[in-house]
Each structure stands twice: as C-alpha cells, then as structure tokens.
Amino acid sequence: MHSVIPEAPMTSPAPTAQRHALTPDQVCDLPMDELLARVNGSLNTIDTEKALYAGLDTTRFLGYVVDRPSGITVFTPDNATEAARDVAIRYLVTQHLGLPTHLFPDIFEVTVFTGSNLDEVPA
C-alpha cells in the first residue's frame, strides 16, 4: 500500500482561510508551536532601544506582524517578559486573522501599515 504525503504549501494561506480554521479561543489556548504552525508563522524579537525606534512609546508597544508570501513573522520587543510576549503574539495573530478580540483587554490598539510604506516598517 502506498501513501502520498502532500507537499507543504510554499506560500502562507490567506488570512481569510486561516480565520475559518481557527477560533479566538484556539488562538488563546493552543500551544504556541501549534498556533504558529497553523498560521505558517515564526517569531522574532526587536531591540526597541535602537535609534530606528526613536520616538516610539515602548511602554505601549506590543510588536508587529509582517505578512509575506512565505508566511507571517511576529516581532515582539526583546525586553518583554515571557508572559507579555505570549499575550502580544496571540493578540497580534488574532488581529492578523481578523478574528474578534473580545478575549483581550480593551486597551490594546492596532495600527495597520499597508501599501508602499511597507518598506518603512522594520523587518
């Protein structure tokens, strides 16, 4: 008996397809590795002390998501605590997927960069 294993997708599924595959509860409850696998995601950190981030209020900065054809990367401040990083990652994934954010504090806020100014977003 032969079995065929499909190849992994070369591009990230559209957020719309991912949105239908996950619920807000799953984004909050899945182990981080499984969540990242489900959204074709990876993690990275940024040094918010660098001049590149001059003027950024780092007390209010959670991080950001970069969406490329190969998948998403969630960037969080390198000086964030593990708990803060976990919440930020899950919130940013929830936002990226366009899911309801009712499981997160109302004080969270998102700014979306699109179009030609993407070259200005640090990655």
Protein backbone atom coordinates (compact mmCIF):
# COMPACT_ATOMS: atom_id res chain seq x y z
CA MET A 1 0.00 0.00 0.00
CA HIS A 2 1.34 3.42 -0.95
CA SER A 3 0.52 6.63 0.77
CA VAL A 4 1.04 10.06 -0.63
CA ILE A 5 2.15 12.87 1.61
CA PRO A 6 1.21 16.24 0.18
CA GLU A 7 3.95 18.82 -0.01
CA ALA A 8 3.86 21.70 2.43
CA PRO A 9 2.44 24.87 0.91
CA MET A 10 5.08 27.26 -0.38
CA THR A 11 3.02 30.32 0.49
CA SER A 12 1.05 31.35 3.51
CA PRO A 13 -2.68 30.65 3.26
CA ALA A 14 -4.72 33.82 3.02
CA PRO A 15 -5.81 35.22 6.39
CA THR A 16 -9.41 34.54 5.34
CA ALA A 17 -8.72 30.80 5.03
CA GLN A 18 -6.80 30.80 8.31
CA ARG A 19 -9.60 32.75 10.02
CA HIS A 20 -12.05 29.99 9.21
CA ALA A 21 -9.65 27.37 10.54
CA LEU A 22 -9.17 28.97 13.99
CA THR A 23 -11.40 30.44 16.65
CA PRO A 24 -10.38 33.20 19.07
CA ASP A 25 -10.36 30.59 21.86
CA GLN A 26 -7.95 28.40 19.89
CA VAL A 27 -5.59 31.32 19.24
CA CYS A 28 -5.51 31.92 23.00
CA ASP A 29 -5.30 28.28 24.09
CA LEU A 30 -3.22 26.34 21.56
CA PRO A 31 0.41 25.68 22.49
CA MET A 32 2.50 28.39 20.82
CA ASP A 33 4.29 25.97 18.47
CA GLU A 34 0.98 24.58 17.24
CA LEU A 35 -0.53 28.05 16.82
CA LEU A 36 2.44 29.20 14.77
CA ALA A 37 2.28 26.07 12.61
CA ARG A 38 -1.44 26.66 11.98
CA VAL A 39 -0.79 30.22 10.75
CA ASN A 40 2.51 29.45 8.99
CA GLY A 41 4.21 31.79 11.41
CA SER A 42 7.55 32.41 13.06
CA LEU A 43 8.75 34.63 15.88
CA ASN A 44 11.46 37.22 16.13
CA THR A 45 12.40 39.99 18.54
CA ILE A 46 13.40 43.59 18.03
CA ASP A 47 15.63 45.86 20.06
CA THR A 48 13.40 48.87 20.77
CA GLU A 49 16.40 50.74 22.20
CA LYS A 50 17.93 51.21 18.72
CA ALA A 51 17.74 54.61 17.04
CA LEU A 52 15.42 53.10 14.43
CA TYR A 53 12.65 53.19 17.05
CA ALA A 54 13.36 56.71 18.34
CA GLY A 55 10.09 58.36 19.26
CA LEU A 56 8.27 55.05 19.75
CA ASP A 57 6.50 54.84 23.09
CA THR A 58 7.90 51.45 24.08
CA THR A 59 5.66 51.32 27.17
CA ARG A 60 2.71 50.89 24.80
CA PHE A 61 4.36 48.85 22.04
CA LEU A 62 3.35 45.17 21.73
CA GLY A 63 5.07 44.33 18.47
CA TYR A 64 4.04 43.83 14.90
CA VAL A 65 3.30 41.22 12.23
CA VAL A 66 4.96 41.12 8.82
CA ASP A 67 2.95 39.15 6.26
CA ARG A 68 4.94 37.79 3.34
CA PRO A 69 4.08 35.13 0.76
CA SER A 70 6.27 32.68 2.73
CA GLY A 71 4.32 33.24 5.96
CA ILE A 72 3.99 35.67 8.83
CA THR A 73 6.61 36.77 11.30
CA VAL A 74 5.55 38.18 14.65
CA PHE A 75 8.07 40.63 16.10
CA THR A 76 7.99 41.49 19.82
CA PRO A 77 10.30 43.64 21.94
CA ASP A 78 13.33 41.67 23.11
CA ASN A 79 12.98 43.09 26.62
CA ALA A 80 9.37 41.91 27.06
CA THR A 81 8.62 39.35 29.72
CA GLU A 82 7.65 35.87 28.60
CA ALA A 83 4.04 36.43 29.70
CA ALA A 84 3.81 39.80 27.91
CA ARG A 85 5.32 38.32 24.77
CA ASP A 86 2.84 35.41 24.81
CA VAL A 87 -0.15 37.75 25.10
CA ALA A 88 1.20 40.10 22.44
CA ILE A 89 1.83 37.27 19.96
CA ARG A 90 -1.64 35.84 20.44
CA TYR A 91 -3.26 39.27 20.15
CA LEU A 92 -1.32 40.15 17.00
CA VAL A 93 -2.21 36.79 15.41
CA THR A 94 -5.87 37.35 16.32
CA GLN A 95 -5.75 40.78 14.70
CA HIS A 96 -3.92 39.46 11.63
CA LEU A 97 -6.60 36.82 11.11
CA GLY A 98 -9.40 39.36 11.55
CA LEU A 99 -10.89 37.44 14.46
CA PRO A 100 -12.84 39.05 17.31
CA THR A 101 -10.54 40.34 20.05
CA HIS A 102 -13.03 40.12 22.93
CA LEU A 103 -10.69 37.81 24.89
CA PHE A 104 -8.07 40.57 25.20
CA PRO A 105 -8.06 43.81 27.19
CA ASP A 106 -9.89 46.69 25.52
CA ILE A 107 -6.84 48.92 25.91
CA PHE A 108 -4.96 47.14 23.10
CA GLU A 109 -4.76 49.14 19.89
CA VAL A 110 -3.51 48.28 16.40
CA THR A 111 -2.11 50.38 13.60
CA VAL A 112 -2.07 48.73 10.17
CA PHE A 113 0.59 49.62 7.61
CA THR A 114 -0.19 48.67 4.02
CA GLY A 115 0.90 49.63 0.56
CA SER A 116 4.03 51.46 -0.43
CA ASN A 117 5.02 52.47 3.10
CA LEU A 118 5.80 48.84 3.98
CA ASP A 119 9.45 49.49 3.17
CA GLU A 120 9.49 51.83 6.15
CA VAL A 121 8.35 49.09 8.55
CA PRO A 122 11.37 47.47 10.23
CA ALA A 123 11.72 43.79 9.48
